[in-house]
């Protein structure tokens, strides 16, 4: 799936699934993703969860114009460290209005163990406003 996001692509993050109200990303952990303690960096965990939440509310159909959004607020709970392997972030919209939507995401390892969760609010551009990008 084509991601069109140089930041996420540069980190090695792959978009696995993107449909109405949901998005799934995957990352194969390597040395560049680790902090000084040898664990997956918290900022990268935040990025994965933000992308999963944000993209979940921005799906456009095949013939529709690409939609971008802006993160308004993101709350993260870090539950368990990851040091190697693959992690998957799954996001879904919980409630949606005209311009704001609320989404949640979970990050898990290949064994299905929950590593972190996030909840946030996100803003779609107004019909006459400019486009913003999800962080």
Protein backbone atom coordinates (compact mmCIF):
# COMPACT_ATOMS: atom_id res chain seq x y z
CA UNK A 1 0.00 0.00 0.00
CA UNK A 2 1.44 3.41 -0.98
CA UNK A 3 1.93 5.54 2.12
CA UNK A 4 2.74 9.01 0.67
CA UNK A 5 4.36 9.99 3.97
CA UNK A 6 8.14 10.58 3.79
CA UNK A 7 8.51 10.77 7.59
CA UNK A 8 6.87 7.41 8.27
CA UNK A 9 8.55 5.80 5.27
CA UNK A 10 11.96 7.05 6.45
CA UNK A 11 11.43 5.27 9.75
CA UNK A 12 10.56 2.01 7.98
CA UNK A 13 6.88 2.10 8.96
CA UNK A 14 4.56 0.20 6.61
CA UNK A 15 0.85 0.82 6.07
CA UNK A 16 -0.78 -2.64 6.14
CA UNK A 17 -4.47 -1.74 6.00
CA UNK A 18 -6.47 1.44 5.53
CA UNK A 19 -10.24 1.45 5.33
CA UNK A 20 -13.16 3.54 6.54
CA UNK A 21 -12.69 4.08 10.28
CA UNK A 22 -9.52 1.98 10.63
CA UNK A 23 -5.81 1.85 9.85
CA UNK A 24 -3.01 -0.61 10.64
CA UNK A 25 0.74 0.06 10.56
CA UNK A 26 3.71 -2.27 11.08
CA UNK A 27 7.34 -1.69 12.03
CA UNK A 28 10.19 -4.21 12.01
CA UNK A 29 12.38 -3.01 14.89
CA UNK A 30 16.05 -2.42 14.16
CA UNK A 31 18.89 -0.64 15.99
CA UNK A 32 17.91 2.85 14.75
CA UNK A 33 14.54 2.52 16.55
CA UNK A 34 16.02 1.83 19.99
CA UNK A 35 16.69 4.22 22.88
CA UNK A 36 19.75 4.16 25.15
CA UNK A 37 18.25 1.29 27.17
CA UNK A 38 17.93 -0.85 24.04
CA UNK A 39 14.12 -0.60 23.92
CA UNK A 40 11.81 0.76 21.22
CA UNK A 41 11.93 4.55 21.62
CA UNK A 42 8.85 6.12 23.22
CA UNK A 43 8.72 8.81 20.56
CA UNK A 44 8.52 6.15 17.86
CA UNK A 45 5.75 4.39 19.78
CA UNK A 46 3.90 7.74 19.90
CA UNK A 47 4.43 8.18 16.16
CA UNK A 48 3.00 4.73 15.38
CA UNK A 49 -0.05 5.29 17.58
CA UNK A 50 -0.61 8.81 16.24
CA UNK A 51 -0.45 7.56 12.66
CA UNK A 52 -2.86 4.67 13.35
CA UNK A 53 -5.36 6.98 15.07
CA UNK A 54 -4.99 9.80 12.57
CA UNK A 55 -5.20 7.74 9.41
CA UNK A 56 -8.23 5.83 10.73
CA UNK A 57 -10.39 8.93 10.29
CA UNK A 58 -8.95 10.11 6.98
CA UNK A 59 -9.66 7.29 4.54
CA UNK A 60 -10.73 8.41 1.07
CA UNK A 61 -12.23 6.21 -1.61
CA UNK A 62 -10.24 5.24 -4.68
CA UNK A 63 -11.58 8.09 -6.84
CA UNK A 64 -11.72 10.67 -4.02
CA UNK A 65 -9.19 13.39 -3.21
CA UNK A 66 -6.66 12.53 -0.48
CA UNK A 67 -7.69 13.88 2.95
CA UNK A 68 -5.22 15.17 5.53
CA UNK A 69 -5.75 16.01 9.19
CA UNK A 70 -4.22 17.48 12.28
CA UNK A 71 -3.68 15.89 15.68
CA UNK A 72 -5.40 17.99 18.33
CA UNK A 73 -4.62 15.84 21.38
CA UNK A 74 -3.03 12.43 21.92
CA UNK A 75 -2.90 10.55 25.22
CA UNK A 76 -0.59 7.52 25.44
CA UNK A 77 -0.18 4.75 28.02
CA UNK A 78 3.14 2.89 27.76
CA UNK A 79 2.55 -0.60 29.14
CA UNK A 80 5.49 -2.81 28.17
CA UNK A 81 8.86 -2.50 26.40
CA UNK A 82 9.79 -4.02 23.06
CA UNK A 83 13.39 -4.67 22.07
CA UNK A 84 13.15 -6.68 18.85
CA UNK A 85 10.78 -8.21 16.35
CA UNK A 86 7.79 -6.58 14.73
CA UNK A 87 5.17 -4.30 16.25
CA UNK A 88 1.73 -3.49 14.87
CA UNK A 89 -0.38 -0.40 15.57
CA UNK A 90 -4.13 -0.73 14.95
CA UNK A 91 -6.27 2.39 15.04
CA UNK A 92 -10.01 2.91 14.81
CA UNK A 93 -12.43 5.80 14.97
CA UNK A 94 -14.65 5.76 18.05
CA UNK A 95 -16.77 8.82 17.26
CA UNK A 96 -16.84 11.24 14.37
CA UNK A 97 -18.32 14.69 13.80
CA UNK A 98 -18.13 17.08 10.88
CA UNK A 99 -14.60 18.32 11.53
CA UNK A 100 -13.41 16.50 14.68
CA UNK A 101 -13.11 12.78 15.22
CA UNK A 102 -12.00 10.70 18.19
CA UNK A 103 -9.85 7.62 17.69
CA UNK A 104 -7.96 5.01 19.67
CA UNK A 105 -5.07 2.70 18.86
CA UNK A 106 -3.21 -0.26 20.32
CA UNK A 107 0.40 -1.27 19.74
CA UNK A 108 1.19 -4.96 20.08
CA UNK A 109 4.11 -7.26 19.36
CA UNK A 110 4.09 -10.35 17.13
CA UNK A 111 2.93 -12.49 20.10
CA UNK A 112 -0.13 -10.25 20.51
CA UNK A 113 1.10 -8.70 23.78
CA UNK A 114 -0.19 -5.17 24.33
CA UNK A 115 2.69 -2.67 24.48
CA UNK A 116 0.91 0.71 24.46
CA UNK A 117 -2.47 2.34 23.90
CA UNK A 118 -3.55 5.79 22.75
CA UNK A 119 -6.68 7.88 22.54
CA UNK A 120 -6.88 11.20 20.75
CA UNK A 121 -8.85 13.84 18.97
CA UNK A 122 -8.13 14.84 15.39
CA UNK A 123 -9.31 17.60 13.07
CA UNK A 124 -10.18 17.30 9.42
CA UNK A 125 -9.67 20.42 7.30
CA UNK A 126 -12.64 22.68 6.72
CA UNK A 127 -13.98 22.52 3.16
CA UNK A 128 -12.54 25.98 2.40
CA UNK A 129 -9.41 25.65 4.59
CA UNK A 130 -5.97 24.34 3.71
CA UNK A 131 -4.79 20.81 4.24
CA UNK A 132 -2.78 19.85 7.30
CA UNK A 133 -0.83 16.65 7.83
CA UNK A 134 -1.14 14.15 10.64
CA UNK A 135 2.01 14.16 12.75
